[in-house]
Amino acid sequence: MPDIGEILAHMPAEAQHRFESAGEFVKRLAHRVQKWRERLAEDEQPVILSILANGSAIEVRSVGEDGHSGVVIEGVLDGASCMFVSHQASLQILCYTQKVEPEQRRKIGFHVGGEEIEV
C-alpha cells in the first residue's frame, strides 16, 4: 500500500491544496450543472442563483475563480448587470430549472485557469 505521507511530502504545496481551491469549486460546479442539464427536458434549462447576505439573488451568467479562494460571479441583479466577488466559503448557490422555449436555452460560463467551460 502506498505511503500517503511520503506521496504528500513530494507533492508541491499548491497541488496538495488544489482540492480546496476556488478553481476546483468552479470546475466541480460546472461538472454538476453539465450532468444535470443532460437530464433535463428540451424545454428546461438550469438556472444558478448566488444568494447574497442581504437575501438578494444574482442570476448567474458566469462563474470564475479569482486567485486561490476567490470567486467572481457575473450576472443580473434586479434587472441590471452586476459582478460579485466573494471568498468561496461565503458563497451560497441555489440551482433550479426554468421552462424555456428550446431555441431560447442559454449557456452558463465557468472560467478556470484561463479556460472557459460553457454549460
C-alpha atoms as a PDB file:
ATOM      1  CA  MET A   1       0.000   0.000   0.000  1.00  0.00           C
ATOM      2  CA  PRO A   2       1.417   3.445  -0.889  1.00  0.00           C
ATOM      3  CA  ASP A   3       2.533   5.696   1.950  1.00  0.00           C
ATOM      4  CA  ILE A   4       0.279   8.761   1.692  1.00  0.00           C
ATOM      5  CA  GLY A   5       2.600  10.821   3.891  1.00  0.00           C
ATOM      6  CA  GLU A   6       5.504  10.154   1.540  1.00  0.00           C
ATOM      7  CA  ILE A   7       3.420  10.979  -1.528  1.00  0.00           C
ATOM      8  CA  LEU A   8       2.285  14.274   0.002  1.00  0.00           C
ATOM      9  CA  ALA A   9       5.841  15.110   1.074  1.00  0.00           C
ATOM     10  CA  HIS A  10       6.938  15.040  -2.578  1.00  0.00           C
ATOM     11  CA  MET A  11       3.912  16.905  -3.873  1.00  0.00           C
ATOM     12  CA  PRO A  12       4.204  20.679  -4.340  1.00  0.00           C
ATOM     13  CA  ALA A  13       2.228  22.624  -1.725  1.00  0.00           C
ATOM     14  CA  GLU A  14      -0.052  24.069  -4.409  1.00  0.00           C
ATOM     15  CA  ALA A  15      -1.059  20.601  -5.587  1.00  0.00           C
ATOM     16  CA  GLN A  16      -1.718  19.471  -2.006  1.00  0.00           C
ATOM     17  CA  HIS A  17      -4.260  22.245  -1.570  1.00  0.00           C
ATOM     18  CA  ARG A  18      -5.697  22.367  -5.089  1.00  0.00           C
ATOM     19  CA  PHE A  19      -8.718  20.329  -3.990  1.00  0.00           C
ATOM     20  CA  GLU A  20      -9.836  23.210  -1.772  1.00  0.00           C
ATOM     21  CA  SER A  21      -9.233  25.975  -4.308  1.00  0.00           C
ATOM     22  CA  ALA A  22     -11.840  28.180  -5.926  1.00  0.00           C
ATOM     23  CA  GLY A  23     -10.805  26.714  -9.284  1.00  0.00           C
ATOM     24  CA  GLU A  24     -11.736  23.220  -8.141  1.00  0.00           C
ATOM     25  CA  PHE A  25     -15.014  24.535  -6.738  1.00  0.00           C
ATOM     26  CA  VAL A  26     -15.869  26.153 -10.086  1.00  0.00           C
ATOM     27  CA  LYS A  27     -14.872  23.023 -12.045  1.00  0.00           C
ATOM     28  CA  ARG A  28     -16.992  20.782  -9.825  1.00  0.00           C
ATOM     29  CA  LEU A  29     -19.955  23.148 -10.106  1.00  0.00           C
ATOM     30  CA  ALA A  30     -19.608  23.195 -13.906  1.00  0.00           C
ATOM     31  CA  HIS A  31     -19.466  19.399 -13.993  1.00  0.00           C
ATOM     32  CA  ARG A  32     -22.531  19.059 -11.756  1.00  0.00           C
ATOM     33  CA  VAL A  33     -24.561  21.538 -13.797  1.00  0.00           C
ATOM     34  CA  GLN A  34     -23.477  19.870 -17.042  1.00  0.00           C
ATOM     35  CA  LYS A  35     -24.566  16.419 -15.817  1.00  0.00           C
ATOM     36  CA  TRP A  36     -27.808  17.881 -14.509  1.00  0.00           C
ATOM     37  CA  ARG A  37     -28.509  19.675 -17.813  1.00  0.00           C
ATOM     38  CA  GLU A  38     -28.101  16.389 -19.710  1.00  0.00           C
ATOM     39  CA  ARG A  39     -31.096  15.004 -17.812  1.00  0.00           C
ATOM     40  CA  LEU A  40     -33.379  17.997 -18.404  1.00  0.00           C
ATOM     41  CA  ALA A  41     -36.128  18.150 -20.991  1.00  0.00           C
ATOM     42  CA  GLU A  42     -35.609  20.213 -24.152  1.00  0.00           C
ATOM     43  CA  ASP A  43     -37.831  22.967 -22.758  1.00  0.00           C
ATOM     44  CA  GLU A  44     -35.884  23.293 -19.482  1.00  0.00           C
ATOM     45  CA  GLN A  45     -32.619  24.934 -18.562  1.00  0.00           C
ATOM     46  CA  PRO A  46     -30.634  25.174 -15.347  1.00  0.00           C
ATOM     47  CA  VAL A  47     -30.588  28.481 -13.508  1.00  0.00           C
ATOM     48  CA  ILE A  48     -27.984  29.322 -10.892  1.00  0.00           C
ATOM     49  CA  LEU A  49     -28.613  31.950  -8.255  1.00  0.00           C
ATOM     50  CA  SER A  50     -25.960  33.363  -5.967  1.00  0.00           C
ATOM     51  CA  ILE A  51     -27.642  34.350  -2.718  1.00  0.00           C
ATOM     52  CA  LEU A  52     -26.220  37.470  -1.073  1.00  0.00           C
ATOM     53  CA  ALA A  53     -26.047  38.102   2.678  1.00  0.00           C
ATOM     54  CA  ASN A  54     -28.951  40.567   2.469  1.00  0.00           C
ATOM     55  CA  GLY A  55     -31.169  37.960   0.786  1.00  0.00           C
ATOM     56  CA  SER A  56     -30.872  39.363  -2.738  1.00  0.00           C
ATOM     57  CA  ALA A  57     -30.202  36.878  -5.518  1.00  0.00           C
ATOM     58  CA  ILE A  58     -27.959  37.263  -8.558  1.00  0.00           C
ATOM     59  CA  GLU A  59     -28.978  35.216 -11.596  1.00  0.00           C
ATOM     60  CA  VAL A  60     -25.596  33.854 -12.642  1.00  0.00           C
ATOM     61  CA  ARG A  61     -24.360  34.183 -16.226  1.00  0.00           C
ATOM     62  CA  SER A  62     -20.767  33.181 -15.461  1.00  0.00           C
ATOM     63  CA  VAL A  63     -18.644  31.977 -12.557  1.00  0.00           C
ATOM     64  CA  GLY A  64     -14.878  32.250 -12.380  1.00  0.00           C
ATOM     65  CA  GLU A  65     -12.028  31.753  -9.993  1.00  0.00           C
ATOM     66  CA  ASP A  66     -10.222  34.784  -8.595  1.00  0.00           C
ATOM     67  CA  GLY A  67      -6.996  33.608  -7.050  1.00  0.00           C
ATOM     68  CA  HIS A  68      -6.888  30.577  -4.783  1.00  0.00           C
ATOM     69  CA  SER A  69     -10.022  31.261  -2.741  1.00  0.00           C
ATOM     70  CA  GLY A  70     -11.996  33.945  -4.553  1.00  0.00           C
ATOM     71  CA  VAL A  71     -14.955  33.512  -6.870  1.00  0.00           C
ATOM     72  CA  VAL A  72     -16.254  36.102  -9.345  1.00  0.00           C
ATOM     73  CA  ILE A  73     -19.920  35.953 -10.311  1.00  0.00           C
ATOM     74  CA  GLU A  74     -21.238  37.904 -13.288  1.00  0.00           C
ATOM     75  CA  GLY A  75     -24.974  38.067 -13.640  1.00  0.00           C
ATOM     76  CA  VAL A  76     -28.160  40.027 -13.244  1.00  0.00           C
ATOM     77  CA  LEU A  77     -29.467  41.613 -10.048  1.00  0.00           C
ATOM     78  CA  ASP A  78     -32.824  43.403 -10.119  1.00  0.00           C
ATOM     79  CA  GLY A  79     -32.648  43.658 -13.913  1.00  0.00           C
ATOM     80  CA  ALA A  80     -29.156  45.200 -14.004  1.00  0.00           C
ATOM     81  CA  SER A  81     -25.839  43.585 -14.919  1.00  0.00           C
ATOM     82  CA  CYS A  82     -23.568  43.056 -11.951  1.00  0.00           C
ATOM     83  CA  MET A  83     -20.326  41.489 -10.783  1.00  0.00           C
ATOM     84  CA  PHE A  84     -19.924  39.980  -7.327  1.00  0.00           C
ATOM     85  CA  VAL A  85     -16.596  38.886  -5.835  1.00  0.00           C
ATOM     86  CA  SER A  86     -16.621  36.614  -2.805  1.00  0.00           C
ATOM     87  CA  HIS A  87     -14.482  34.194  -0.863  1.00  0.00           C
ATOM     88  CA  GLN A  88     -15.647  30.723  -1.851  1.00  0.00           C
ATOM     89  CA  ALA A  89     -16.527  29.884   1.764  1.00  0.00           C
ATOM     90  CA  SER A  90     -19.072  32.736   1.811  1.00  0.00           C
ATOM     91  CA  LEU A  91     -20.717  31.813  -1.467  1.00  0.00           C
ATOM     92  CA  GLN A  92     -24.222  30.386  -1.404  1.00  0.00           C
ATOM     93  CA  ILE A  93     -25.561  28.873  -4.606  1.00  0.00           C
ATOM     94  CA  LEU A  94     -29.080  27.766  -5.487  1.00  0.00           C
ATOM     95  CA  CYS A  95     -29.733  25.810  -8.682  1.00  0.00           C
ATOM     96  CA  TYR A  96     -33.164  25.194 -10.157  1.00  0.00           C
ATOM     97  CA  THR A  97     -34.783  24.589 -13.530  1.00  0.00           C
ATOM     98  CA  GLN A  98     -36.706  27.023 -15.663  1.00  0.00           C
ATOM     99  CA  LYS A  99     -39.078  26.304 -18.550  1.00  0.00           C
ATOM    100  CA  VAL A 100     -37.987  27.981 -21.799  1.00  0.00           C
ATOM    101  CA  GLU A 101     -38.515  27.580 -25.499  1.00  0.00           C
ATOM    102  CA  PRO A 102     -35.798  25.207 -26.771  1.00  0.00           C
ATOM    103  CA  GLU A 103     -34.312  27.902 -29.033  1.00  0.00           C
ATOM    104  CA  GLN A 104     -34.007  30.268 -26.045  1.00  0.00           C
ATOM    105  CA  ARG A 105     -31.848  27.962 -23.934  1.00  0.00           C
ATOM    106  CA  ARG A 106     -28.677  29.718 -22.852  1.00  0.00           C
ATOM    107  CA  LYS A 107     -25.330  28.575 -21.571  1.00  0.00           C
ATOM    108  CA  ILE A 108     -23.644  29.453 -18.291  1.00  0.00           C
ATOM    109  CA  GLY A 109     -19.912  30.156 -18.443  1.00  0.00           C
ATOM    110  CA  PHE A 110     -17.408  28.740 -15.978  1.00  0.00           C
ATOM    111  CA  HIS A 111     -13.866  30.181 -16.043  1.00  0.00           C
ATOM    112  CA  VAL A 112     -10.938  28.294 -14.520  1.00  0.00           C
ATOM    113  CA  GLY A 113      -7.229  28.734 -15.183  1.00  0.00           C
ATOM    114  CA  GLY A 114      -7.760  30.761 -18.348  1.00  0.00           C
ATOM    115  CA  GLU A 115     -10.120  28.128 -19.740  1.00  0.00           C
ATOM    116  CA  GLU A 116     -13.855  28.589 -20.321  1.00  0.00           C
ATOM    117  CA  ILE A 117     -16.338  25.774 -19.827  1.00  0.00           C
ATOM    118  CA  GLU A 118     -19.792  26.515 -21.224  1.00  0.00           C
ATOM    119  CA  VAL A 119     -22.638  24.523 -19.751  1.00  0.00           C
END
